[in-house]
Amino acid sequence: MQDVMVQCKKCGNRVPSSSLKLDIDERMVICPDCIKNKGIHKEIKEEVFHKKEEKAVEEEKTSKIAHKCTSCGYKFRIDSETKVPRNCPYCNARVMGF
C-alpha cells in the first residue's frame, strides 16, 4: 500500500502522511525535518536571548534604587540616573529624597 503524500503546514515540503507529527508548540502537524530544526532553533534562541536578557536585568537592577513612600508606605524603585518616577505610583505624592 502506497502512503499518501501531503504538504507540511510549516515548510511546505511534500512528505508521506505517516511521517507527520503533531507539534503542540506550533499547534499544527509538521514534518520530521521541521521537528529536527525546531530543536536546533530552540537551543540557539535560548543561548542567544537568555544572555541578552540577563545583561538587561543586571543593568536594570544596578540603576534602580529601592524607595518607600513617606505618605502611604508603598515600596517601589527609582532610577538613580533619571530620578524617575518623581511621584509615588500608588498615591501620587511627590518623592522628596532618596
PDB file of N, CA and C in Angstrom:
ATOM      1  N   MET A   1       0.843  -1.178   0.000  1.00  0.00           N
ATOM      2  CA  MET A   1       0.000   0.000   0.000  1.00  0.00           C
ATOM      3  C   MET A   1       0.888   1.241   0.000  1.00  0.00           C
ATOM      4  N   GLN A   2       0.561   2.189  -0.857  1.00  0.00           N
ATOM      5  CA  GLN A   2       1.354   3.397  -1.008  1.00  0.00           C
ATOM      6  C   GLN A   2       0.842   4.483  -0.070  1.00  0.00           C
ATOM      7  N   ASP A   3       1.796   5.179   0.572  1.00  0.00           N
ATOM      8  CA  ASP A   3       1.441   6.237   1.524  1.00  0.00           C
ATOM      9  C   ASP A   3       1.085   7.518   0.761  1.00  0.00           C
ATOM     10  N   VAL A   4       0.108   8.244   1.235  1.00  0.00           N
ATOM     11  CA  VAL A   4      -0.346   9.479   0.601  1.00  0.00           C
ATOM     12  C   VAL A   4       0.651  10.595   0.919  1.00  0.00           C
ATOM     13  N   MET A   5       1.019  11.372  -0.100  1.00  0.00           N
ATOM     14  CA  MET A   5       1.941  12.496   0.082  1.00  0.00           C
ATOM     15  C   MET A   5       1.121  13.750   0.400  1.00  0.00           C
ATOM     16  N   VAL A   6       1.516  14.429   1.470  1.00  0.00           N
ATOM     17  CA  VAL A   6       0.826  15.652   1.882  1.00  0.00           C
ATOM     18  C   VAL A   6       1.855  16.756   2.113  1.00  0.00           C
ATOM     19  N   GLN A   7       1.378  17.972   2.164  1.00  0.00           N
ATOM     20  CA  GLN A   7       2.251  19.127   2.339  1.00  0.00           C
ATOM     21  C   GLN A   7       2.370  19.474   3.823  1.00  0.00           C
ATOM     22  N   CYS A   8       3.611  19.674   4.287  1.00  0.00           N
ATOM     23  CA  CYS A   8       3.857  20.116   5.659  1.00  0.00           C
ATOM     24  C   CYS A   8       3.305  21.525   5.813  1.00  0.00           C
ATOM     25  N   LYS A   9       2.568  21.783   6.878  1.00  0.00           N
ATOM     26  CA  LYS A   9       1.946  23.090   7.100  1.00  0.00           C
ATOM     27  C   LYS A   9       2.960  24.187   7.424  1.00  0.00           C
ATOM     28  N   LYS A  10       4.151  23.794   7.895  1.00  0.00           N
ATOM     29  CA  LYS A  10       5.138  24.795   8.291  1.00  0.00           C
ATOM     30  C   LYS A  10       6.092  25.149   7.149  1.00  0.00           C
ATOM     31  N   CYS A  11       6.698  24.131   6.514  1.00  0.00           N
ATOM     32  CA  CYS A  11       7.717  24.409   5.496  1.00  0.00           C
ATOM     33  C   CYS A  11       7.228  24.226   4.063  1.00  0.00           C
ATOM     34  N   GLY A  12       6.124  23.512   3.880  1.00  0.00           N
ATOM     35  CA  GLY A  12       5.573  23.325   2.550  1.00  0.00           C
ATOM     36  C   GLY A  12       6.113  22.129   1.796  1.00  0.00           C
ATOM     37  N   ASN A  13       7.053  21.375   2.388  1.00  0.00           N
ATOM     38  CA  ASN A  13       7.589  20.182   1.734  1.00  0.00           C
ATOM     39  C   ASN A  13       6.540  19.090   1.667  1.00  0.00           C
ATOM     40  N   ARG A  14       6.602  18.282   0.599  1.00  0.00           N
ATOM     41  CA  ARG A  14       5.682  17.153   0.456  1.00  0.00           C
ATOM     42  C   ARG A  14       6.328  15.937   1.106  1.00  0.00           C
ATOM     43  N   VAL A  15       5.627  15.338   2.069  1.00  0.00           N
ATOM     44  CA  VAL A  15       6.126  14.177   2.816  1.00  0.00           C
ATOM     45  C   VAL A  15       5.018  13.146   2.945  1.00  0.00           C
ATOM     46  N   PRO A  16       5.368  11.877   3.233  1.00  0.00           N
ATOM     47  CA  PRO A  16       4.332  10.866   3.465  1.00  0.00           C
ATOM     48  C   PRO A  16       3.492  11.227   4.690  1.00  0.00           C
ATOM     49  N   SER A  17       2.208  10.997   4.608  1.00  0.00           N
ATOM     50  CA  SER A  17       1.309  11.378   5.702  1.00  0.00           C
ATOM     51  C   SER A  17       1.635  10.650   7.002  1.00  0.00           C
ATOM     52  N   SER A  18       2.194   9.451   6.908  1.00  0.00           N
ATOM     53  CA  SER A  18       2.514   8.692   8.121  1.00  0.00           C
ATOM     54  C   SER A  18       3.692   9.295   8.894  1.00  0.00           C
ATOM     55  N   SER A  19       4.495  10.158   8.245  1.00  0.00           N
ATOM     56  CA  SER A  19       5.653  10.726   8.927  1.00  0.00           C
ATOM     57  C   SER A  19       5.342  12.035   9.648  1.00  0.00           C
ATOM     58  N   LEU A  20       4.175  12.595   9.427  1.00  0.00           N
ATOM     59  CA  LEU A  20       3.815  13.862  10.081  1.00  0.00           C
ATOM     60  C   LEU A  20       3.577  13.664  11.570  1.00  0.00           C
ATOM     61  N   LYS A  21       3.941  14.674  12.347  1.00  0.00           N
ATOM     62  CA  LYS A  21       3.770  14.647  13.806  1.00  0.00           C
ATOM     63  C   LYS A  21       3.049  15.905  14.251  1.00  0.00           C
ATOM     64  N   LEU A  22       2.250  15.768  15.291  1.00  0.00           N
ATOM     65  CA  LEU A  22       1.556  16.915  15.859  1.00  0.00           C
ATOM     66  C   LEU A  22       2.512  17.656  16.782  1.00  0.00           C
ATOM     67  N   ASP A  23       2.727  18.928  16.504  1.00  0.00           N
ATOM     68  CA  ASP A  23       3.589  19.762  17.333  1.00  0.00           C
ATOM     69  C   ASP A  23       2.701  20.679  18.168  1.00  0.00           C
ATOM     70  N   ILE A  24       2.776  20.516  19.468  1.00  0.00           N
ATOM     71  CA  ILE A  24       1.919  21.278  20.378  1.00  0.00           C
ATOM     72  C   ILE A  24       2.284  22.757  20.375  1.00  0.00           C
ATOM     73  N   ASP A  25       3.587  23.077  20.316  1.00  0.00           N
ATOM     74  CA  ASP A  25       4.019  24.476  20.318  1.00  0.00           C
ATOM     75  C   ASP A  25       3.543  25.210  19.079  1.00  0.00           C
ATOM     76  N   GLU A  26       3.672  24.564  17.921  1.00  0.00           N
ATOM     77  CA  GLU A  26       3.259  25.176  16.662  1.00  0.00           C
ATOM     78  C   GLU A  26       1.751  25.073  16.437  1.00  0.00           C
ATOM     79  N   ARG A  27       1.109  24.157  17.143  1.00  0.00           N
ATOM     80  CA  ARG A  27      -0.323  23.884  17.016  1.00  0.00           C
ATOM     81  C   ARG A  27      -0.690  23.474  15.592  1.00  0.00           C
ATOM     82  N   MET A  28       0.165  22.602  15.022  1.00  0.00           N
ATOM     83  CA  MET A  28      -0.106  22.077  13.689  1.00  0.00           C
ATOM     84  C   MET A  28       0.677  20.786  13.483  1.00  0.00           C
ATOM     85  N   VAL A  29       0.339  20.089  12.411  1.00  0.00           N
ATOM     86  CA  VAL A  29       1.031  18.863  12.044  1.00  0.00           C
ATOM     87  C   VAL A  29       2.197  19.255  11.147  1.00  0.00           C
ATOM     88  N   ILE A  30       3.430  18.832  11.540  1.00  0.00           N
ATOM     89  CA  ILE A  30       4.618  19.204  10.770  1.00  0.00           C
ATOM     90  C   ILE A  30       5.463  17.981  10.442  1.00  0.00           C
ATOM     91  N   CYS A  31       6.386  18.148   9.486  1.00  0.00           N
ATOM     92  CA  CYS A  31       7.222  17.043   9.022  1.00  0.00           C
ATOM     93  C   CYS A  31       8.400  16.809   9.975  1.00  0.00           C
ATOM     94  N   PRO A  32       9.077  15.648   9.834  1.00  0.00           N
ATOM     95  CA  PRO A  32      10.228  15.342  10.698  1.00  0.00           C
ATOM     96  C   PRO A  32      11.368  16.363  10.582  1.00  0.00           C
ATOM     97  N   ASP A  33      11.573  16.925   9.394  1.00  0.00           N
ATOM     98  CA  ASP A  33      12.633  17.932   9.228  1.00  0.00           C
ATOM     99  C   ASP A  33      12.346  19.175  10.068  1.00  0.00           C
ATOM    100  N   CYS A  34      11.113  19.602  10.082  1.00  0.00           N
ATOM    101  CA  CYS A  34      10.739  20.775  10.888  1.00  0.00           C
ATOM    102  C   CYS A  34      10.912  20.491  12.375  1.00  0.00           C
ATOM    103  N   ILE A  35      10.636  19.275  12.786  1.00  0.00           N
ATOM    104  CA  ILE A  35      10.804  18.899  14.194  1.00  0.00           C
ATOM    105  C   ILE A  35      12.278  18.948  14.573  1.00  0.00           C
ATOM    106  N   LYS A  36      13.160  18.433  13.698  1.00  0.00           N
ATOM    107  CA  LYS A  36      14.603  18.478  13.960  1.00  0.00           C
ATOM    108  C   LYS A  36      15.089  19.917  14.021  1.00  0.00           C
ATOM    109  N   ASN A  37      14.681  20.722  13.054  1.00  0.00           N
ATOM    110  CA  ASN A  37      15.105  22.124  13.010  1.00  0.00           C
ATOM    111  C   ASN A  37      14.584  22.912  14.202  1.00  0.00           C
ATOM    112  N   LYS A  38      13.410  22.542  14.683  1.00  0.00           N
ATOM    113  CA  LYS A  38      12.825  23.222  15.842  1.00  0.00           C
ATOM    114  C   LYS A  38      13.730  23.087  17.053  1.00  0.00           C
ATOM    115  N   GLY A  39      14.263  21.886  17.264  1.00  0.00           N
ATOM    116  CA  GLY A  39      15.171  21.655  18.385  1.00  0.00           C
ATOM    117  C   GLY A  39      16.434  22.480  18.271  1.00  0.00           C
ATOM    118  N   ILE A  40      16.981  22.567  17.075  1.00  0.00           N
ATOM    119  CA  ILE A  40      18.195  23.344  16.842  1.00  0.00           C
ATOM    120  C   ILE A  40      17.924  24.823  17.061  1.00  0.00           C
ATOM    121  N   HIS A  41      16.829  25.318  16.486  1.00  0.00           N
ATOM    122  CA  HIS A  41      16.487  26.733  16.634  1.00  0.00           C
ATOM    123  C   HIS A  41      16.201  27.086  18.088  1.00  0.00           C
ATOM    124  N   LYS A  42      15.562  26.178  18.800  1.00  0.00           N
ATOM    125  CA  LYS A  42      15.231  26.431  20.201  1.00  0.00           C
ATOM    126  C   LYS A  42      16.498  26.571  21.032  1.00  0.00           C
ATOM    127  N   GLU A  43      17.489  25.701  20.795  1.00  0.00           N
ATOM    128  CA  GLU A  43      18.748  25.778  21.531  1.00  0.00           C
ATOM    129  C   GLU A  43      19.472  27.081  21.235  1.00  0.00           C
ATOM    130  N   ILE A  44      19.517  27.464  19.966  1.00  0.00           N
ATOM    131  CA  ILE A  44      20.185  28.707  19.581  1.00  0.00           C
ATOM    132  C   ILE A  44      19.476  29.909  20.192  1.00  0.00           C
ATOM    133  N   LYS A  45      18.150  29.902  20.117  1.00  0.00           N
ATOM    134  CA  LYS A  45      17.363  31.011  20.646  1.00  0.00           C
ATOM    135  C   LYS A  45      17.595  31.162  22.150  1.00  0.00           C
ATOM    136  N   GLU A  46      17.591  30.047  22.885  1.00  0.00           N
ATOM    137  CA  GLU A  46      17.810  30.112  24.333  1.00  0.00           C
ATOM    138  C   GLU A  46      19.195  30.657  24.636  1.00  0.00           C
ATOM    139  N   GLU A  47      20.183  30.180  23.894  1.00  0.00           N
ATOM    140  CA  GLU A  47      21.553  30.603  24.135  1.00  0.00           C
ATOM    141  C   GLU A  47      21.727  32.099  23.880  1.00  0.00           C
ATOM    142  N   VAL A  48      21.175  32.597  22.805  1.00  0.00           N
ATOM    143  CA  VAL A  48      21.343  34.000  22.433  1.00  0.00           C
ATOM    144  C   VAL A  48      20.494  34.914  23.295  1.00  0.00           C
ATOM    145  N   PHE A  49      19.203  34.628  23.409  1.00  0.00           N
ATOM    146  CA  PHE A  49      18.295  35.553  24.079  1.00  0.00           C
ATOM    147  C   PHE A  49      18.460  35.561  25.591  1.00  0.00           C
ATOM    148  N   HIS A  50      18.779  34.432  26.211  1.00  0.00           N
ATOM    149  CA  HIS A  50      18.927  34.436  27.665  1.00  0.00           C
ATOM    150  C   HIS A  50      20.139  35.252  28.091  1.00  0.00           C
ATOM    151  N   LYS A  51      21.187  35.230  27.305  1.00  0.00           N
ATOM    152  CA  LYS A  51      22.350  36.036  27.649  1.00  0.00           C
ATOM    153  C   LYS A  51      22.019  37.518  27.582  1.00  0.00           C
ATOM    154  N   LYS A  52      21.268  37.934  26.558  1.00  0.00           N
ATOM    155  CA  LYS A  52      20.886  39.335  26.421  1.00  0.00           C
ATOM    156  C   LYS A  52      19.939  39.748  27.536  1.00  0.00           C
ATOM    157  N   GLU A  53      18.987  38.881  27.892  1.00  0.00           N
ATOM    158  CA  GLU A  53      18.030  39.199  28.946  1.00  0.00           C
ATOM    159  C   GLU A  53      18.729  39.330  30.291  1.00  0.00           C
ATOM    160  N   GLU A  54      19.713  38.450  30.557  1.00  0.00           N
ATOM    161  CA  GLU A  54      20.430  38.510  31.821  1.00  0.00           C
ATOM    162  C   GLU A  54      21.169  39.831  31.957  1.00  0.00           C
ATOM    163  N   LYS A  55      21.803  40.295  30.867  1.00  0.00           N
ATOM    164  CA  LYS A  55      22.522  41.572  30.902  1.00  0.00           C
ATOM    165  C   LYS A  55      21.572  42.726  31.159  1.00  0.00           C
ATOM    166  N   ALA A  56      20.410  42.702  30.523  1.00  0.00           N
ATOM    167  CA  ALA A  56      19.433  43.773  30.698  1.00  0.00           C
ATOM    168  C   ALA A  56      18.916  43.803  32.132  1.00  0.00           C
ATOM    169  N   VAL A  57      18.669  42.639  32.709  1.00  0.00           N
ATOM    170  CA  VAL A  57      18.183  42.561  34.086  1.00  0.00           C
ATOM    171  C   VAL A  57      19.245  43.081  35.046  1.00  0.00           C
ATOM    172  N   GLU A  58      20.515  42.725  34.802  1.00  0.00           N
ATOM    173  CA  GLU A  58      21.582  43.210  35.668  1.00  0.00           C
ATOM    174  C   GLU A  58      21.702  44.727  35.595  1.00  0.00           C
ATOM    175  N   GLU A  59      21.625  45.290  34.387  1.00  0.00           N
ATOM    176  CA  GLU A  59      21.702  46.729  34.232  1.00  0.00           C
ATOM    177  C   GLU A  59      20.535  47.416  34.927  1.00  0.00           C
ATOM    178  N   GLU A  60      19.352  46.827  34.809  1.00  0.00           N
ATOM    179  CA  GLU A  60      18.164  47.410  35.421  1.00  0.00           C
ATOM    180  C   GLU A  60      18.291  47.403  36.942  1.00  0.00           C
ATOM    181  N   LYS A  61      18.808  46.332  37.506  1.00  0.00           N
ATOM    182  CA  LYS A  61      18.947  46.238  38.953  1.00  0.00           C
ATOM    183  C   LYS A  61      19.945  47.258  39.480  1.00  0.00           C
ATOM    184  N   THR A  62      21.013  47.471  38.756  1.00  0.00           N
ATOM    185  CA  THR A  62      22.047  48.380  39.245  1.00  0.00           C
ATOM    186  C   THR A  62      21.645  49.838  39.153  1.00  0.00           C
ATOM    187  N   SER A  63      20.801  50.199  38.210  1.00  0.00           N
ATOM    188  CA  SER A  63      20.470  51.607  38.031  1.00  0.00           C
ATOM    189  C   SER A  63      19.233  52.050  38.824  1.00  0.00           C
ATOM    190  N   LYS A  64      18.586  51.127  39.548  1.00  0.00           N
ATOM    191  CA  LYS A  64      17.385  51.494  40.296  1.00  0.00           C
ATOM    192  C   LYS A  64      17.615  51.345  41.793  1.00  0.00           C
ATOM    193  N   ILE A  65      17.012  52.263  42.526  1.00  0.00           N
ATOM    194  CA  ILE A  65      17.160  52.304  43.981  1.00  0.00           C
ATOM    195  C   ILE A  65      15.795  52.059  44.622  1.00  0.00           C
ATOM    196  N   ALA A  66      15.771  51.233  45.656  1.00  0.00           N
ATOM    197  CA  ALA A  66      14.525  50.972  46.371  1.00  0.00           C
ATOM    198  C   ALA A  66      14.104  52.226  47.137  1.00  0.00           C
ATOM    199  N   HIS A  67      12.806  52.475  47.169  1.00  0.00           N
ATOM    200  CA  HIS A  67      12.276  53.659  47.852  1.00  0.00           C
ATOM    201  C   HIS A  67      10.937  53.306  48.486  1.00  0.00           C
ATOM    202  N   LYS A  68      10.655  53.905  49.636  1.00  0.00           N
ATOM    203  CA  LYS A  68       9.378  53.718  50.314  1.00  0.00           C
ATOM    204  C   LYS A  68       8.732  55.090  50.471  1.00  0.00           C
ATOM    205  N   CYS A  69       7.494  55.184  49.985  1.00  0.00           N
ATOM    206  CA  CYS A  69       6.771  56.451  50.039  1.00  0.00           C
ATOM    207  C   CYS A  69       6.538  56.861  51.494  1.00  0.00           C
ATOM    208  N   THR A  70       6.792  58.120  51.804  1.00  0.00           N
ATOM    209  CA  THR A  70       6.606  58.621  53.169  1.00  0.00           C
ATOM    210  C   THR A  70       5.132  58.837  53.486  1.00  0.00           C
ATOM    211  N   SER A  71       4.298  59.020  52.464  1.00  0.00           N
ATOM    212  CA  SER A  71       2.874  59.261  52.684  1.00  0.00           C
ATOM    213  C   SER A  71       2.089  57.967  52.891  1.00  0.00           C
ATOM    214  N   CYS A  72       2.268  56.988  51.989  1.00  0.00           N
ATOM    215  CA  CYS A  72       1.430  55.790  52.046  1.00  0.00           C
ATOM    216  C   CYS A  72       2.194  54.519  52.379  1.00  0.00           C
ATOM    217  N   GLY A  73       3.522  54.552  52.312  1.00  0.00           N
ATOM    218  CA  GLY A  73       4.324  53.381  52.640  1.00  0.00           C
ATOM    219  C   GLY A  73       4.534  52.424  51.470  1.00  0.00           C
ATOM    220  N   TYR A  74       4.082  52.788  50.270  1.00  0.00           N
ATOM    221  CA  TYR A  74       4.238  51.936  49.086  1.00  0.00           C
ATOM    222  C   TYR A  74       5.717  51.842  48.714  1.00  0.00           C
ATOM    223  N   LYS A  75       6.178  50.597  48.425  1.00  0.00           N
ATOM    224  CA  LYS A  75       7.574  50.382  48.057  1.00  0.00           C
ATOM    225  C   LYS A  75       7.683  50.273  46.541  1.00  0.00           C
ATOM    226  N   PHE A  76       8.631  51.023  45.975  1.00  0.00           N
ATOM    227  CA  PHE A  76       8.874  50.994  44.534  1.00  0.00           C
ATOM    228  C   PHE A  76      10.321  51.349  44.265  1.00  0.00           C
ATOM    229  N   ARG A  77      10.731  51.297  43.008  1.00  0.00           N
ATOM    230  CA  ARG A  77      12.117  51.579  42.630  1.00  0.00           C
ATOM    231  C   ARG A  77      12.188  52.869  41.819  1.00  0.00           C
ATOM    232  N   ILE A  78      13.261  53.618  42.061  1.00  0.00           N
ATOM    233  CA  ILE A  78      13.504  54.864  41.344  1.00  0.00           C
ATOM    234  C   ILE A  78      14.817  54.727  40.583  1.00  0.00           C
ATOM    235  N   ASP A  79      14.816  55.140  39.316  1.00  0.00           N
ATOM    236  CA  ASP A  79      16.022  55.119  38.504  1.00  0.00           C
ATOM    237  C   ASP A  79      16.971  56.181  39.042  1.00  0.00           C
ATOM    238  N   SER A  80      18.174  55.771  39.405  1.00  0.00           N
ATOM    239  CA  SER A  80      19.124  56.701  40.023  1.00  0.00           C
ATOM    240  C   SER A  80      19.661  57.736  39.042  1.00  0.00           C
ATOM    241  N   GLU A  81      19.652  57.433  37.753  1.00  0.00           N
ATOM    242  CA  GLU A  81      20.183  58.377  36.767  1.00  0.00           C
ATOM    243  C   GLU A  81      19.149  59.426  36.359  1.00  0.00           C
ATOM    244  N   THR A  82      17.926  58.979  36.074  1.00  0.00           N
ATOM    245  CA  THR A  82      16.896  59.899  35.586  1.00  0.00           C
ATOM    246  C   THR A  82      15.977  60.419  36.691  1.00  0.00           C
ATOM    247  N   LYS A  83      16.066  59.841  37.873  1.00  0.00           N
ATOM    248  CA  LYS A  83      15.211  60.215  39.029  1.00  0.00           C
ATOM    249  C   LYS A  83      13.719  60.038  38.723  1.00  0.00           C
ATOM    250  N   VAL A  84      13.385  58.971  37.985  1.00  0.00           N
ATOM    251  CA  VAL A  84      12.002  58.684  37.602  1.00  0.00           C
ATOM    252  C   VAL A  84      11.554  57.432  38.333  1.00  0.00           C
ATOM    253  N   PRO A  85      10.382  57.352  38.874  1.00  0.00           N
ATOM    254  CA  PRO A  85       9.301  58.323  38.868  1.00  0.00           C
ATOM    255  C   PRO A  85       9.518  59.403  39.928  1.00  0.00           C
ATOM    256  N   ARG A  86       8.992  60.561  39.645  1.00  0.00           N
ATOM    257  CA  ARG A  86       9.126  61.686  40.577  1.00  0.00           C
ATOM    258  C   ARG A  86       7.992  61.718  41.599  1.00  0.00           C
ATOM    259  N   ASN A  87       6.932  60.944  41.324  1.00  0.00           N
ATOM    260  CA  ASN A  87       5.792  60.837  42.241  1.00  0.00           C
ATOM    261  C   ASN A  87       5.557  59.366  42.565  1.00  0.00           C
ATOM    262  N   CYS A  88       4.952  59.103  43.693  1.00  0.00           N
ATOM    263  CA  CYS A  88       4.613  57.733  44.093  1.00  0.00           C
ATOM    264  C   CYS A  88       3.588  57.160  43.109  1.00  0.00           C
ATOM    265  N   PRO A  89       3.825  55.949  42.569  1.00  0.00           N
ATOM    266  CA  PRO A  89       2.876  55.353  41.630  1.00  0.00           C
ATOM    267  C   PRO A  89       1.540  55.012  42.272  1.00  0.00           C
ATOM    268  N   TYR A  90       1.495  54.883  43.600  1.00  0.00           N
ATOM    269  CA  TYR A  90       0.268  54.488  44.277  1.00  0.00           C
ATOM    270  C   TYR A  90      -0.576  55.684  44.698  1.00  0.00           C
ATOM    271  N   CYS A  91       0.029  56.646  45.384  1.00  0.00           N
ATOM    272  CA  CYS A  91      -0.766  57.774  45.905  1.00  0.00           C
ATOM    273  C   CYS A  91      -0.453  59.106  45.244  1.00  0.00           C
ATOM    274  N   ASN A  92       0.526  59.132  44.348  1.00  0.00           N
ATOM    275  CA  ASN A  92       0.913  60.311  43.583  1.00  0.00           C
ATOM    276  C   ASN A  92       1.554  61.404  44.452  1.00  0.00           C
ATOM    277  N   ALA A  93       2.034  61.040  45.624  1.00  0.00           N
ATOM    278  CA  ALA A  93       2.747  62.001  46.477  1.00  0.00           C
ATOM    279  C   ALA A  93       4.119  62.258  45.891  1.00  0.00           C
ATOM    280  N   ARG A  94       4.603  63.478  46.011  1.00  0.00           N
ATOM    281  CA  ARG A  94       5.904  63.859  45.457  1.00  0.00           C
ATOM    282  C   ARG A  94       7.032  63.155  46.230  1.00  0.00           C
ATOM    283  N   VAL A  95       8.018  62.629  45.492  1.00  0.00           N
ATOM    284  CA  VAL A  95       9.187  61.995  46.112  1.00  0.00           C
ATOM    285  C   VAL A  95      10.148  63.120  46.496  1.00  0.00           C
ATOM    286  N   MET A  96      10.438  63.219  47.791  1.00  0.00           N
ATOM    287  CA  MET A  96      11.267  64.318  48.276  1.00  0.00           C
ATOM    288  C   MET A  96      12.753  63.982  48.233  1.00  0.00           C
ATOM    289  N   GLY A  97      13.105  62.750  48.556  1.00  0.00           N
ATOM    290  CA  GLY A  97      14.524  62.375  48.586  1.00  0.00           C
ATOM    291  C   GLY A  97      14.674  60.866  48.557  1.00  0.00           C
ATOM    292  N   PHE A  98      15.911  60.465  48.437  1.00  0.00           N
ATOM    293  CA  PHE A  98      16.198  59.031  48.380  1.00  0.00           C
ATOM    294  C   PHE A  98      16.564  58.569  49.736  1.00  0.00           C
TER     295      PHE A  98
END
